[in-house]
Protein backbone atom coordinates (compact mmCIF):
# COMPACT_ATOMS: atom_id res chain seq x y z
CA SER A 1 -83.34 198.10 111.54
CA ALA A 2 -86.02 198.58 108.91
CA VAL A 3 -88.74 198.85 111.55
CA ASP A 4 -86.81 201.71 113.15
CA LEU A 5 -87.21 203.63 109.88
CA MET A 6 -91.01 203.48 110.04
CA THR A 7 -93.59 205.65 111.60
CA HIS A 8 -96.39 203.63 113.16
CA HIS A 9 -99.83 205.19 113.32
CA VAL A 10 -102.53 203.60 115.46
CA PHE A 11 -106.17 204.41 114.83
CA LEU A 12 -108.86 203.48 117.32
CA THR A 13 -112.10 203.00 115.47
CA THR A 14 -115.46 201.32 115.81
CA ARG A 15 -116.61 198.38 113.73
CA ASN A 16 -119.06 200.70 111.93
CA ASP A 17 -116.42 203.34 111.13
CA LYS A 18 -113.69 200.88 110.12
CA PRO A 19 -114.71 200.48 106.43
CA ALA A 20 -114.62 204.24 105.82
CA LEU A 21 -111.22 204.54 107.50
CA VAL A 22 -109.79 201.63 105.50
CA ARG A 23 -111.20 203.17 102.30
CA LYS A 24 -109.57 206.51 103.15
CA LEU A 25 -106.20 204.86 103.79
CA ALA A 26 -106.46 202.86 100.55
CA SER A 27 -107.41 205.86 98.42
CA GLY A 28 -104.04 207.58 98.15
CA SER A 29 -102.01 207.81 94.96
CA GLY A 30 -99.02 205.73 96.11
CA ARG A 31 -98.74 201.96 96.28
CA ARG A 32 -100.46 200.44 99.29
CA ILE A 33 -100.63 196.91 100.66
CA LEU A 34 -103.57 196.08 102.90
CA PHE A 35 -103.21 192.90 104.97
CA THR A 36 -106.12 190.74 106.07
CA ARG A 37 -106.11 187.49 108.03
CA THR A 38 -108.19 185.38 105.66
CA LYS A 39 -108.54 184.73 101.95
CA PHE A 40 -112.23 185.59 102.17
CA GLN A 41 -111.51 188.96 103.79
CA ALA A 42 -108.88 189.78 101.16
CA GLN A 43 -111.28 188.88 98.34
CA LYS A 44 -114.15 190.84 99.88
CA LEU A 45 -112.07 193.96 100.59
CA ALA A 46 -110.47 194.05 97.12
CA LYS A 47 -113.89 193.74 95.50
CA SER A 48 -115.41 196.39 97.76
CA LEU A 49 -112.61 198.90 97.13
CA THR A 50 -112.78 198.34 93.36
CA GLN A 51 -116.56 198.85 93.40
CA GLN A 52 -115.97 202.13 95.27
CA GLY A 53 -113.58 203.42 92.60
CA ILE A 54 -110.29 202.33 94.19
CA PRO A 55 -108.85 199.65 91.89
CA ALA A 56 -107.43 196.85 94.02
CA ALA A 57 -105.90 193.45 93.31
CA GLU A 58 -106.04 190.51 95.68
CA LEU A 59 -103.27 188.11 96.62
CA HIS A 60 -104.19 184.99 98.60
CA GLY A 61 -103.95 181.23 98.57
CA ASN A 62 -107.19 180.57 96.68
CA LEU A 63 -105.73 182.06 93.49
CA ASN A 64 -103.92 179.90 90.98
CA GLN A 65 -100.39 180.88 89.98
CA ASN A 66 -101.53 182.68 86.81
CA GLN A 67 -104.01 184.78 88.80
CA ARG A 68 -101.38 185.62 91.42
CA ASP A 69 -98.86 186.58 88.75
CA ARG A 70 -101.43 188.73 86.92
CA ASN A 71 -102.52 190.53 90.10
CA LEU A 72 -98.95 191.11 91.25
CA GLN A 73 -98.02 192.42 87.79
CA ALA A 74 -100.96 194.84 87.89
CA PHE A 75 -99.67 196.13 91.23
CA GLU A 76 -96.03 196.34 90.08
CA SER A 77 -96.97 198.12 86.85
CA GLY A 78 -99.20 200.64 88.59
CA SER A 79 -102.43 199.47 86.96
CA VAL A 80 -103.68 199.18 90.53
CA ASN A 81 -102.16 200.95 93.53
CA VAL A 82 -103.75 198.72 96.14
CA LEU A 83 -102.85 195.11 96.85
CA VAL A 84 -105.02 193.29 99.40
CA ALA A 85 -103.10 190.28 100.67
CA THR A 86 -102.91 187.56 103.27
CA ASP A 87 -99.67 186.85 105.13
CA VAL A 88 -98.86 183.58 103.41
CA ALA A 89 -99.55 184.91 99.91
CA ALA A 90 -97.41 187.99 100.52
CA ARG A 91 -94.32 186.08 101.62
CA GLY A 92 -91.50 186.65 99.20
CA ILE A 93 -93.08 189.47 97.21
CA ASP A 94 -90.59 192.19 96.49
CA VAL A 95 -92.22 195.30 95.08
CA SER A 96 -90.39 198.59 95.35
CA GLY A 97 -92.10 201.87 96.03
CA VAL A 98 -94.68 200.66 98.56
CA GLU A 99 -95.71 203.80 100.39
CA LEU A 100 -98.13 202.40 102.93
CA VAL A 101 -98.90 199.12 104.67
CA VAL A 102 -102.27 198.85 106.40
CA GLN A 103 -102.80 196.09 108.91
CA VAL A 104 -106.55 195.83 108.36
CA ASP A 105 -106.64 192.65 110.43
CA PRO A 106 -103.47 192.72 112.53
CA PRO A 107 -101.81 189.35 113.13
CA ASP A 108 -101.49 187.82 116.57
CA ASP A 109 -97.89 186.80 115.86
CA PRO A 110 -95.27 189.56 116.25
CA LYS A 111 -93.13 187.98 113.52
CA SER A 112 -96.01 188.28 111.04
CA PHE A 113 -96.45 191.92 112.06
CA LEU A 114 -92.78 192.61 111.33
CA HIS A 115 -92.91 190.70 108.05
CA ARG A 116 -95.95 192.69 106.91
CA SER A 117 -94.27 195.92 107.95
CA GLY A 118 -91.16 194.94 106.02
CA ARG A 119 -93.10 195.31 102.77
CA THR A 120 -92.47 199.04 103.07
CA ALA A 121 -88.91 198.69 104.30
CA ARG A 122 -87.76 197.61 100.83
CA ARG A 123 -87.76 201.15 99.50
CA GLN A 124 -85.99 204.28 100.60
CA GLY A 125 -87.77 207.35 101.85
CA ARG A 126 -91.01 207.49 103.76
CA ARG A 127 -92.64 204.25 104.86
CA ARG A 128 -95.96 203.78 106.60
CA ASP A 129 -97.78 200.95 108.27
CA HIS A 130 -101.33 201.25 109.54
CA ARG A 131 -102.85 198.59 111.73
CA ASP A 132 -106.63 198.60 111.76
CA HIS A 133 -108.68 197.08 114.54
CA ALA A 134 -112.40 197.55 115.06
CA GLY A 135 -113.73 197.79 118.58
CA PRO A 136 -111.30 198.02 121.48
CA ALA A 137 -108.20 197.31 119.39
CA PRO A 138 -106.25 199.93 117.41
CA LEU A 139 -105.75 200.45 113.69
CA CYS A 140 -102.08 200.85 112.83
CA ALA A 141 -100.35 202.25 109.78
CA GLN A 142 -96.62 202.28 109.21
CA THR A 143 -94.66 204.81 107.24
CA ALA A 144 -90.96 205.28 106.91
CA ALA A 145 -89.61 208.12 108.93
CA SER A 146 -86.43 209.95 108.14
CA GLY A 147 -84.71 208.39 111.11
CA GLY A 148 -85.74 207.15 114.49
CA HIS A 149 -88.88 205.34 115.53
CA ARG A 150 -92.01 207.30 116.26
CA ARG A 151 -95.47 206.22 117.31
CA GLN A 152 -98.55 208.31 116.77
CA ALA A 153 -102.09 207.61 117.85
CA ALA A 154 -105.31 209.13 116.60
CA ARG A 155 -108.93 208.29 117.12
CA GLY A 156 -110.54 207.43 113.79
CA GLN A 157 -108.45 209.85 111.75
CA ALA A 158 -106.15 209.02 108.84
């Protein structure tokens, strides 16, 4: 399955260190999708990353269709490499070449976790998924592995 082709990285971090870790994960050169639970969190994170020099587009239910299309086009064209999205807004998007999925706010529902992770499974090669929890929960990132399923854990390191 597609999930078997991913490498899952779990990062344990504190609430204070989480923003720096998310920024580090978002700052790469490849396409990245960062998932949040709420529209507000997606909006806030996209704005924060952009202000820190990491151009990011948001995708959530508070955007009208023109805004969603424009933001998705910016991501597809490479104008921005980071798409910050909620689960519902991301359903049905099909963008090739997604290198990394970061679960900034991991879902409670396993099906949502798999759906988010599947954003990277649409391309061949390496796939990543990072799930990010502050406090006692882990941060996880998923990447495609060249076969087999591997799990790696690190404490606050990307």
